[in-house]
């Protein structure tokens, strides 16, 4: 066949079109990023855990003796003035944020707070189920956990390649911070 023969163009165009269609059909999406999750059952949320302090109150408020006239003991003699108790060490407590639904799946963050300081952050739920989601989650979640502890707030940077997961993480983290009063 000649180089400019019309039949050659038809055969090449047909072969290219068939190859393109086969390649498109062979590709499977990692997930349906904007699929409706209306029919999906709601994920179970673990209960929020807050451990009270040993003093039985707000660990940041020092315990002091009542003011006013001198207290008297049952015998009627004035009580010796007691020193104010030293504030108890801030109690560690764990607070879990609300589930944030993302296009790739639910994200839920749990933080450990000591006083008003975040000492640890972990993702209770994160997108998974496909190799791509698993890979992105495995690289993004440790970065987000570290960023939450470093920033001490939900104002953390989005992880490149995991923007939906990062946004869901920030929402759930803010929810946990609100519940913890931090």
N, C-alpha and C. Protein backbone atom coordinates (compact mmCIF):
# COMPACT_ATOMS: atom_id res chain seq x y z
N UNK A 1 0.83 -1.17 0.00
CA UNK A 1 0.00 0.00 0.00
C UNK A 1 0.88 1.24 0.00
N UNK A 2 0.37 2.25 -0.66
CA UNK A 2 1.07 3.51 -0.69
C UNK A 2 0.88 4.22 0.64
N UNK A 3 1.75 5.16 0.87
CA UNK A 3 1.73 5.88 2.13
C UNK A 3 0.44 6.69 2.29
N UNK A 4 -0.09 7.27 1.22
CA UNK A 4 -1.27 8.10 1.32
C UNK A 4 -2.52 7.37 0.84
N UNK A 5 -2.48 6.11 0.79
CA UNK A 5 -3.62 5.34 0.33
C UNK A 5 -4.76 5.48 1.34
N UNK A 6 -6.01 5.76 0.92
CA UNK A 6 -7.13 5.98 1.84
C UNK A 6 -7.43 4.77 2.72
N UNK A 7 -7.24 3.59 2.22
CA UNK A 7 -7.52 2.40 3.01
C UNK A 7 -6.56 2.29 4.20
N UNK A 8 -5.32 2.73 4.01
CA UNK A 8 -4.35 2.69 5.10
C UNK A 8 -4.79 3.61 6.24
N UNK A 9 -5.27 4.81 5.90
CA UNK A 9 -5.76 5.74 6.91
C UNK A 9 -6.94 5.15 7.67
N UNK A 10 -7.84 4.51 6.97
CA UNK A 10 -9.02 3.91 7.60
C UNK A 10 -8.61 2.80 8.56
N UNK A 11 -7.68 1.96 8.14
CA UNK A 11 -7.22 0.86 9.00
C UNK A 11 -6.51 1.41 10.24
N UNK A 12 -5.61 2.39 10.08
CA UNK A 12 -4.91 2.98 11.22
C UNK A 12 -5.86 3.69 12.17
N UNK A 13 -6.82 4.44 11.64
CA UNK A 13 -7.80 5.14 12.47
C UNK A 13 -8.64 4.13 13.25
N UNK A 14 -9.07 3.08 12.58
CA UNK A 14 -9.88 2.05 13.25
C UNK A 14 -9.09 1.35 14.35
N UNK A 15 -7.83 1.00 14.07
CA UNK A 15 -6.99 0.32 15.06
C UNK A 15 -6.73 1.23 16.26
N UNK A 16 -6.49 2.50 16.00
CA UNK A 16 -6.25 3.46 17.08
C UNK A 16 -7.50 3.62 17.94
N UNK A 17 -8.65 3.72 17.33
CA UNK A 17 -9.91 3.87 18.06
C UNK A 17 -10.19 2.65 18.92
N UNK A 18 -10.01 1.46 18.35
CA UNK A 18 -10.24 0.23 19.11
C UNK A 18 -9.26 0.14 20.27
N UNK A 19 -8.00 0.48 20.06
CA UNK A 19 -7.00 0.45 21.13
C UNK A 19 -7.37 1.41 22.25
N UNK A 20 -7.81 2.60 21.89
CA UNK A 20 -8.21 3.59 22.89
C UNK A 20 -9.39 3.12 23.71
N UNK A 21 -10.37 2.53 23.07
CA UNK A 21 -11.55 2.04 23.79
C UNK A 21 -11.17 0.89 24.72
N UNK A 22 -10.33 0.00 24.25
CA UNK A 22 -9.89 -1.12 25.09
C UNK A 22 -9.14 -0.59 26.32
N UNK A 23 -8.27 0.37 26.14
CA UNK A 23 -7.54 0.95 27.27
C UNK A 23 -8.49 1.62 28.26
N UNK A 24 -9.46 2.36 27.78
CA UNK A 24 -10.42 3.01 28.67
C UNK A 24 -11.24 2.00 29.47
N UNK A 25 -11.65 0.94 28.81
CA UNK A 25 -12.44 -0.08 29.50
C UNK A 25 -11.59 -0.89 30.48
N UNK A 26 -10.30 -1.00 30.20
CA UNK A 26 -9.42 -1.76 31.09
C UNK A 26 -9.11 -0.99 32.37
N UNK A 27 -9.15 0.34 32.31
CA UNK A 27 -8.89 1.14 33.51
C UNK A 27 -10.09 1.07 34.43
N UNK A 28 -9.84 0.77 35.68
CA UNK A 28 -10.91 0.73 36.67
C UNK A 28 -10.67 1.89 37.63
N UNK A 29 -11.70 2.68 37.89
CA UNK A 29 -11.50 3.79 38.82
C UNK A 29 -11.21 3.26 40.22
N UNK A 30 -10.37 4.00 40.96
CA UNK A 30 -10.04 3.57 42.32
C UNK A 30 -11.28 3.59 43.19
N UNK A 31 -12.08 4.63 43.08
CA UNK A 31 -13.38 4.71 43.75
C UNK A 31 -14.22 5.64 42.91
N UNK A 32 -15.46 5.70 43.23
CA UNK A 32 -16.33 6.67 42.59
C UNK A 32 -16.31 7.90 43.48
N UNK A 33 -15.47 8.91 43.17
CA UNK A 33 -15.25 10.01 44.10
C UNK A 33 -16.50 10.81 44.43
N UNK A 34 -17.45 10.89 43.56
CA UNK A 34 -18.63 11.69 43.85
C UNK A 34 -19.89 10.85 43.87
N UNK A 35 -19.74 9.56 44.17
CA UNK A 35 -20.89 8.69 44.25
C UNK A 35 -21.71 9.04 45.48
N UNK A 36 -22.99 8.93 45.33
CA UNK A 36 -23.89 9.24 46.44
C UNK A 36 -23.79 8.14 47.48
N UNK A 37 -23.71 8.53 48.73
CA UNK A 37 -23.62 7.56 49.80
C UNK A 37 -24.93 7.51 50.58
N UNK A 38 -26.03 7.93 49.92
CA UNK A 38 -27.31 7.98 50.62
C UNK A 38 -27.76 6.59 51.05
N UNK A 39 -27.49 5.58 50.26
CA UNK A 39 -27.92 4.22 50.59
C UNK A 39 -26.98 3.50 51.52
N UNK A 40 -25.81 4.07 51.76
CA UNK A 40 -24.82 3.40 52.61
C UNK A 40 -25.21 3.56 54.08
N UNK A 41 -25.02 2.52 54.88
CA UNK A 41 -25.34 2.65 56.30
C UNK A 41 -24.37 3.60 56.98
N UNK A 42 -24.85 4.30 57.97
CA UNK A 42 -24.02 5.24 58.70
C UNK A 42 -22.99 4.48 59.51
N UNK A 43 -21.73 4.94 59.50
CA UNK A 43 -20.70 4.24 60.27
C UNK A 43 -20.94 4.41 61.76
N UNK A 44 -20.54 3.41 62.52
CA UNK A 44 -20.67 3.44 63.97
C UNK A 44 -19.64 4.39 64.54
N UNK A 45 -20.05 5.25 65.47
CA UNK A 45 -19.11 6.14 66.12
C UNK A 45 -18.79 5.59 67.49
N UNK A 46 -17.49 5.55 67.82
CA UNK A 46 -17.15 5.13 69.17
C UNK A 46 -17.56 6.23 70.15
N UNK A 47 -17.86 5.87 71.38
CA UNK A 47 -18.27 6.88 72.34
C UNK A 47 -17.13 7.83 72.67
N UNK A 48 -17.49 9.06 73.01
CA UNK A 48 -16.49 10.06 73.39
C UNK A 48 -16.02 9.71 74.79
N UNK A 49 -14.71 9.71 74.96
CA UNK A 49 -14.14 9.34 76.24
C UNK A 49 -13.45 10.55 76.84
N UNK A 50 -13.87 10.93 78.02
CA UNK A 50 -13.20 12.01 78.74
C UNK A 50 -13.01 11.55 80.17
N UNK A 51 -11.76 11.42 80.54
CA UNK A 51 -11.46 10.95 81.89
C UNK A 51 -11.40 12.14 82.82
N UNK A 52 -12.18 12.17 83.90
CA UNK A 52 -12.12 13.30 84.82
C UNK A 52 -10.81 13.30 85.58
N UNK A 53 -10.44 14.46 86.07
CA UNK A 53 -9.20 14.56 86.82
C UNK A 53 -9.36 13.92 88.19
N UNK A 54 -8.26 13.66 88.84
CA UNK A 54 -8.27 13.05 90.16
C UNK A 54 -8.92 13.98 91.17
N UNK A 55 -8.83 15.31 90.97
CA UNK A 55 -9.41 16.27 91.90
C UNK A 55 -10.91 16.39 91.72
N UNK A 56 -11.44 15.85 90.62
CA UNK A 56 -12.87 15.86 90.40
C UNK A 56 -13.38 17.18 89.84
N UNK A 57 -12.59 17.94 89.19
CA UNK A 57 -13.04 19.20 88.62
C UNK A 57 -12.14 19.59 87.47
N UNK A 58 -12.21 20.85 87.13
CA UNK A 58 -11.38 21.36 86.06
C UNK A 58 -9.93 21.38 86.55
N UNK A 59 -9.02 20.65 85.86
CA UNK A 59 -7.65 20.56 86.35
C UNK A 59 -6.90 21.88 86.25
N UNK A 60 -7.42 22.85 85.50
CA UNK A 60 -6.71 24.12 85.36
C UNK A 60 -7.07 25.11 86.46
N UNK A 61 -8.10 24.82 87.26
CA UNK A 61 -8.53 25.72 88.32
C UNK A 61 -7.90 25.26 89.63
N UNK A 62 -7.10 26.12 90.30
CA UNK A 62 -6.50 25.69 91.56
C UNK A 62 -7.55 25.59 92.66
N UNK A 63 -7.31 24.70 93.59
CA UNK A 63 -8.21 24.50 94.71
C UNK A 63 -7.75 25.43 95.83
N UNK A 64 -8.67 26.26 96.36
CA UNK A 64 -8.33 27.19 97.43
C UNK A 64 -9.32 27.04 98.56
N UNK A 65 -8.94 27.55 99.70
CA UNK A 65 -9.81 27.52 100.87
C UNK A 65 -10.86 28.62 100.73
N UNK A 66 -12.05 28.42 101.26
CA UNK A 66 -13.07 29.46 101.18
C UNK A 66 -12.63 30.69 101.95
N UNK A 67 -13.02 31.87 101.46
CA UNK A 67 -12.67 33.11 102.14
C UNK A 67 -13.78 33.48 103.11
N UNK A 68 -13.53 34.47 103.93
CA UNK A 68 -14.55 34.91 104.87
C UNK A 68 -14.05 34.76 106.29
N UNK A 69 -14.98 34.75 107.28
CA UNK A 69 -14.54 34.63 108.66
C UNK A 69 -13.82 33.32 108.90
N UNK A 70 -12.99 33.32 109.93
CA UNK A 70 -12.20 32.13 110.23
C UNK A 70 -13.12 30.95 110.49
N UNK A 71 -12.78 29.83 109.90
CA UNK A 71 -13.58 28.62 110.12
C UNK A 71 -13.29 28.09 111.51
N UNK A 72 -14.26 27.45 112.07
CA UNK A 72 -14.08 26.88 113.40
C UNK A 72 -14.24 25.38 113.29
N UNK A 73 -13.48 24.68 114.10
CA UNK A 73 -13.58 23.23 114.16
C UNK A 73 -14.80 22.88 114.99
N UNK A 74 -15.21 21.61 115.00
CA UNK A 74 -16.38 21.23 115.79
C UNK A 74 -16.24 21.59 117.27
N UNK A 75 -15.03 21.72 117.79
CA UNK A 75 -14.87 22.05 119.20
C UNK A 75 -15.02 23.53 119.45
N UNK A 76 -15.08 24.35 118.41
CA UNK A 76 -15.25 25.77 118.58
C UNK A 76 -13.96 26.55 118.44
N UNK A 77 -12.81 25.89 118.42
CA UNK A 77 -11.55 26.60 118.29
C UNK A 77 -11.31 26.93 116.82
N UNK A 78 -10.62 28.04 116.57
CA UNK A 78 -10.37 28.37 115.17
C UNK A 78 -9.50 27.30 114.50
N UNK A 79 -9.80 27.05 113.24
CA UNK A 79 -9.03 26.06 112.47
C UNK A 79 -7.72 26.69 112.03
N UNK A 80 -6.71 25.85 111.97
CA UNK A 80 -5.44 26.35 111.48
C UNK A 80 -5.60 26.60 109.99
N UNK A 81 -4.98 27.66 109.53
CA UNK A 81 -5.13 27.95 108.10
C UNK A 81 -4.42 26.86 107.30
N UNK A 82 -5.14 26.34 106.38
CA UNK A 82 -4.58 25.27 105.53
C UNK A 82 -4.00 25.90 104.28
N UNK A 83 -2.95 25.31 103.81
CA UNK A 83 -2.36 25.79 102.57
C UNK A 83 -3.28 25.39 101.43
N UNK A 84 -3.35 26.24 100.41
CA UNK A 84 -4.13 25.83 99.24
C UNK A 84 -3.47 24.59 98.62
N UNK A 85 -4.30 23.67 98.22
CA UNK A 85 -3.77 22.45 97.61
C UNK A 85 -3.12 22.79 96.28
N UNK A 86 -2.02 22.14 96.02
CA UNK A 86 -1.35 22.35 94.73
C UNK A 86 -2.25 21.81 93.64
N UNK A 87 -2.32 22.51 92.51
CA UNK A 87 -3.18 22.00 91.44
C UNK A 87 -2.71 20.63 90.98
N UNK A 88 -3.66 19.76 90.77
CA UNK A 88 -3.34 18.41 90.30
C UNK A 88 -2.80 18.49 88.88
N UNK A 89 -1.97 17.55 88.55
CA UNK A 89 -1.45 17.50 87.19
C UNK A 89 -2.63 17.35 86.24
N UNK A 90 -2.60 18.06 85.11
CA UNK A 90 -3.70 17.96 84.17
C UNK A 90 -3.94 16.50 83.77
N UNK A 91 -5.19 16.13 83.77
CA UNK A 91 -5.54 14.75 83.43
C UNK A 91 -5.51 14.56 81.92
N UNK A 92 -5.04 13.40 81.52
CA UNK A 92 -5.08 13.05 80.11
C UNK A 92 -6.49 12.56 79.80
N UNK A 93 -7.00 13.00 78.69
CA UNK A 93 -8.30 12.50 78.25
C UNK A 93 -8.29 12.38 76.74
N UNK A 94 -9.09 11.46 76.27
CA UNK A 94 -9.18 11.22 74.83
C UNK A 94 -10.55 11.64 74.35
N UNK A 95 -10.57 12.42 73.28
CA UNK A 95 -11.82 12.92 72.72
C UNK A 95 -11.83 12.55 71.24
N UNK A 96 -12.97 12.03 70.79
CA UNK A 96 -13.12 11.64 69.40
C UNK A 96 -14.04 12.62 68.69
N UNK A 97 -13.61 13.12 67.56
CA UNK A 97 -14.40 14.06 66.77
C UNK A 97 -15.49 13.37 65.99
N UNK A 98 -16.35 14.17 65.40
CA UNK A 98 -17.43 13.65 64.56
C UNK A 98 -16.85 13.06 63.28
N UNK A 99 -17.60 12.17 62.66
CA UNK A 99 -17.19 11.58 61.38
C UNK A 99 -17.40 12.61 60.28
N UNK A 100 -16.38 12.83 59.48
CA UNK A 100 -16.48 13.72 58.32
C UNK A 100 -16.56 12.85 57.07
N UNK A 101 -17.65 12.97 56.33
CA UNK A 101 -17.81 12.20 55.11
C UNK A 101 -17.08 12.90 53.97
N UNK A 102 -16.19 12.19 53.30
CA UNK A 102 -15.48 12.73 52.14
C UNK A 102 -15.90 11.94 50.91
N UNK A 103 -15.46 12.38 49.77
CA UNK A 103 -15.79 11.68 48.53
C UNK A 103 -15.19 10.28 48.48
N UNK A 104 -14.15 10.05 49.26
CA UNK A 104 -13.48 8.75 49.23
C UNK A 104 -13.78 7.89 50.45
N UNK A 105 -14.54 8.41 51.39
CA UNK A 105 -14.89 7.64 52.57
C UNK A 105 -14.85 8.48 53.82
N UNK A 106 -15.27 7.90 54.94
CA UNK A 106 -15.33 8.66 56.20
C UNK A 106 -13.94 8.87 56.81
N UNK A 107 -13.82 10.00 57.50
CA UNK A 107 -12.60 10.32 58.24
C UNK A 107 -13.04 10.72 59.65
N UNK A 108 -12.38 10.14 60.66
CA UNK A 108 -12.68 10.48 62.05
C UNK A 108 -11.37 10.54 62.82
N UNK A 109 -11.24 11.58 63.64
CA UNK A 109 -10.00 11.83 64.36
C UNK A 109 -10.25 11.76 65.86
N UNK A 110 -9.30 11.16 66.57
CA UNK A 110 -9.32 11.10 68.02
C UNK A 110 -8.06 11.79 68.53
N UNK A 111 -8.23 12.66 69.54
CA UNK A 111 -7.07 13.36 70.09
C UNK A 111 -6.94 13.05 71.57
N UNK A 112 -5.71 13.06 72.03
CA UNK A 112 -5.42 12.94 73.47
C UNK A 112 -5.00 14.32 73.92
N UNK A 113 -5.68 14.81 74.96
CA UNK A 113 -5.45 16.16 75.45
C UNK A 113 -4.98 16.08 76.89
N UNK A 114 -3.97 16.87 77.21
CA UNK A 114 -3.49 16.99 78.58
C UNK A 114 -3.56 18.47 78.93
N UNK A 115 -4.52 18.82 79.80
CA UNK A 115 -4.78 20.23 80.06
C UNK A 115 -5.41 20.83 78.82
N UNK A 116 -4.74 21.81 78.21
CA UNK A 116 -5.24 22.41 76.98
C UNK A 116 -4.29 22.12 75.81
N UNK A 117 -3.48 21.10 75.97
CA UNK A 117 -2.45 20.77 74.97
C UNK A 117 -2.75 19.42 74.33
N UNK A 118 -2.66 19.37 73.00
CA UNK A 118 -2.83 18.12 72.26
C UNK A 118 -1.53 17.34 72.37
N UNK A 119 -1.60 16.14 72.92
CA UNK A 119 -0.39 15.33 73.04
C UNK A 119 -0.32 14.24 71.98
N UNK A 120 -1.47 13.87 71.40
CA UNK A 120 -1.48 12.86 70.35
C UNK A 120 -2.74 13.03 69.51
N UNK A 121 -2.64 12.66 68.25
CA UNK A 121 -3.78 12.67 67.34
C UNK A 121 -3.70 11.41 66.50
N UNK A 122 -4.83 10.73 66.35
CA UNK A 122 -4.88 9.52 65.54
C UNK A 122 -6.16 9.51 64.72
N UNK A 123 -6.10 8.90 63.57
CA UNK A 123 -7.28 8.75 62.73
C UNK A 123 -7.96 7.44 63.09
N UNK A 124 -9.17 7.53 63.60
CA UNK A 124 -9.94 6.34 63.96
C UNK A 124 -10.48 5.69 62.69
N UNK A 125 -10.92 6.52 61.74
CA UNK A 125 -11.41 6.05 60.45
C UNK A 125 -10.71 6.86 59.36
N UNK A 126 -10.42 6.20 58.25
CA UNK A 126 -9.81 6.87 57.11
C UNK A 126 -10.22 6.12 55.86
N UNK A 127 -10.23 6.79 54.71
CA UNK A 127 -10.62 6.12 53.47
C UNK A 127 -9.76 4.90 53.19
N UNK A 128 -10.40 3.81 52.80
CA UNK A 128 -9.68 2.59 52.45
C UNK A 128 -10.54 1.74 51.53
N UNK A 129 -10.03 0.62 51.13
CA UNK A 129 -10.78 -0.31 50.31
C UNK A 129 -10.22 -0.53 48.93
N UNK A 130 -9.46 0.43 48.44
CA UNK A 130 -8.84 0.25 47.14
C UNK A 130 -7.33 0.46 47.31
N UNK A 131 -6.55 -0.12 46.45
CA UNK A 131 -5.10 0.04 46.58
C UNK A 131 -4.67 1.52 46.58
N UNK A 132 -5.30 2.33 45.76
CA UNK A 132 -4.92 3.74 45.68
C UNK A 132 -5.30 4.46 46.99
N UNK A 133 -6.51 4.22 47.50
CA UNK A 133 -6.93 4.85 48.76
C UNK A 133 -6.03 4.40 49.90
N UNK A 134 -5.73 3.12 49.94
CA UNK A 134 -4.88 2.59 51.01
C UNK A 134 -3.50 3.24 50.98
N UNK A 135 -2.96 3.41 49.79
CA UNK A 135 -1.63 4.00 49.65
C UNK A 135 -1.64 5.47 50.07
N UNK A 136 -2.63 6.23 49.60
CA UNK A 136 -2.70 7.64 49.95
C UNK A 136 -2.95 7.82 51.45
N UNK A 137 -3.83 7.00 52.01
CA UNK A 137 -4.12 7.09 53.44
C UNK A 137 -2.88 6.76 54.26
N UNK A 138 -2.16 5.73 53.84
CA UNK A 138 -0.96 5.32 54.58
C UNK A 138 0.10 6.42 54.60
N UNK A 139 0.17 7.23 53.56
CA UNK A 139 1.18 8.29 53.55
C UNK A 139 0.65 9.59 54.16
N UNK A 140 -0.65 9.87 54.01
CA UNK A 140 -1.19 11.15 54.46
C UNK A 140 -1.50 11.19 55.95
N UNK A 141 -2.07 10.13 56.50
CA UNK A 141 -2.54 10.16 57.89
C UNK A 141 -1.39 10.41 58.89
N UNK A 142 -0.23 9.75 58.79
CA UNK A 142 0.84 10.08 59.74
C UNK A 142 1.27 11.55 59.67
N UNK A 143 1.28 12.12 58.46
CA UNK A 143 1.63 13.53 58.31
C UNK A 143 0.59 14.42 58.99
N UNK A 144 -0.69 14.09 58.78
CA UNK A 144 -1.76 14.88 59.38
C UNK A 144 -1.75 14.76 60.90
N UNK A 145 -1.49 13.55 61.42
CA UNK A 145 -1.41 13.36 62.87
C UNK A 145 -0.31 14.24 63.46
N UNK A 146 0.86 14.22 62.84
CA UNK A 146 1.99 15.01 63.32
C UNK A 146 1.70 16.50 63.22
N UNK A 147 1.06 16.91 62.12
CA UNK A 147 0.75 18.33 61.93
C UNK A 147 -0.24 18.82 62.98
N UNK A 148 -1.19 17.99 63.38
CA UNK A 148 -2.17 18.38 64.40
C UNK A 148 -1.49 18.62 65.74
N UNK A 149 -0.57 17.75 66.11
CA UNK A 149 0.15 17.90 67.38
C UNK A 149 1.06 19.13 67.32
N UNK A 150 1.72 19.34 66.21
CA UNK A 150 2.62 20.48 66.06
C UNK A 150 1.86 21.80 66.07
N UNK A 151 0.75 21.88 65.32
CA UNK A 151 0.00 23.13 65.20
C UNK A 151 -0.86 23.41 66.42
N UNK A 152 -1.22 22.38 67.19
CA UNK A 152 -2.09 22.53 68.35
C UNK A 152 -3.44 23.15 67.95
N UNK A 153 -3.84 22.93 66.71
CA UNK A 153 -5.13 23.42 66.21
C UNK A 153 -5.49 22.64 64.95
N UNK A 154 -6.63 22.97 64.37
CA UNK A 154 -7.04 22.32 63.13
C UNK A 154 -6.54 23.07 61.91
N UNK A 155 -5.77 24.12 62.12
CA UNK A 155 -5.20 24.90 61.01
C UNK A 155 -3.94 24.23 60.52
N UNK A 156 -4.12 23.11 59.80
CA UNK A 156 -2.98 22.34 59.29
C UNK A 156 -3.02 22.34 57.78
N UNK A 157 -1.87 22.10 57.17
CA UNK A 157 -1.77 22.09 55.72
C UNK A 157 -2.40 20.83 55.14
N UNK A 158 -2.92 20.97 53.93
CA UNK A 158 -3.47 19.85 53.19
C UNK A 158 -2.32 19.03 52.63
N UNK A 159 -2.43 17.70 52.69
CA UNK A 159 -1.41 16.83 52.13
C UNK A 159 -1.67 16.69 50.64
N UNK A 160 -0.66 16.95 49.85
CA UNK A 160 -0.78 16.86 48.40
C UNK A 160 -1.16 15.44 47.98
N UNK A 161 -2.16 15.35 47.12
CA UNK A 161 -2.63 14.05 46.64
C UNK A 161 -3.72 13.45 47.51
N UNK A 162 -3.94 14.02 48.69
CA UNK A 162 -4.97 13.52 49.59
C UNK A 162 -5.79 14.70 50.12
N UNK A 163 -6.22 15.56 49.21
CA UNK A 163 -6.89 16.79 49.64
C UNK A 163 -8.24 16.51 50.27
N UNK A 164 -9.02 15.56 49.74
CA UNK A 164 -10.32 15.25 50.34
C UNK A 164 -10.13 14.67 51.73
N UNK A 165 -9.18 13.77 51.88
CA UNK A 165 -8.90 13.17 53.19
C UNK A 165 -8.41 14.24 54.15
N UNK A 166 -7.56 15.15 53.69
CA UNK A 166 -7.05 16.22 54.54
C UNK A 166 -8.17 17.13 55.02
N UNK A 167 -9.09 17.47 54.14
CA UNK A 167 -10.20 18.34 54.53
C UNK A 167 -11.10 17.64 55.54
N UNK A 168 -11.38 16.36 55.32
CA UNK A 168 -12.18 15.60 56.28
C UNK A 168 -11.47 15.49 57.61
N UNK A 169 -10.16 15.30 57.59
CA UNK A 169 -9.36 15.22 58.82
C UNK A 169 -9.46 16.53 59.59
N UNK A 170 -9.35 17.66 58.89
CA UNK A 170 -9.43 18.96 59.54
C UNK A 170 -10.81 19.17 60.18
N UNK A 171 -11.88 18.75 59.49
CA UNK A 171 -13.23 18.90 60.04
C UNK A 171 -13.40 18.07 61.30
N UNK A 172 -12.98 16.82 61.25
CA UNK A 172 -13.12 15.95 62.41
C UNK A 172 -12.23 16.41 63.55
N UNK A 173 -11.03 16.89 63.24
CA UNK A 173 -10.11 17.40 64.26
C UNK A 173 -10.72 18.62 64.95
N UNK A 174 -11.32 19.53 64.17
CA UNK A 174 -11.95 20.72 64.77
C UNK A 174 -13.10 20.30 65.68
N UNK A 175 -13.84 19.29 65.28
CA UNK A 175 -14.93 18.78 66.11
C UNK A 175 -14.40 18.25 67.43
N UNK A 176 -13.31 17.50 67.37
CA UNK A 176 -12.70 16.95 68.59
C UNK A 176 -12.17 18.07 69.49
N UNK A 177 -11.56 19.08 68.88
CA UNK A 177 -11.06 20.21 69.66
C UNK A 177 -12.19 20.97 70.34
N UNK A 178 -13.32 21.12 69.63
CA UNK A 178 -14.47 21.79 70.22
C UNK A 178 -15.01 21.00 71.39
N UNK A 179 -15.10 19.69 71.24
CA UNK A 179 -15.60 18.83 72.33
C UNK A 179 -14.66 18.87 73.53
N UNK A 180 -13.37 18.97 73.27
CA UNK A 180 -12.39 18.98 74.35
C UNK A 180 -12.26 20.36 74.99
N UNK A 181 -12.81 21.38 74.35
CA UNK A 181 -12.72 22.73 74.88
C UNK A 181 -11.34 23.33 74.73
N UNK A 182 -10.63 22.89 73.72
CA UNK A 182 -9.27 23.40 73.48
C UNK A 182 -9.31 24.51 72.47
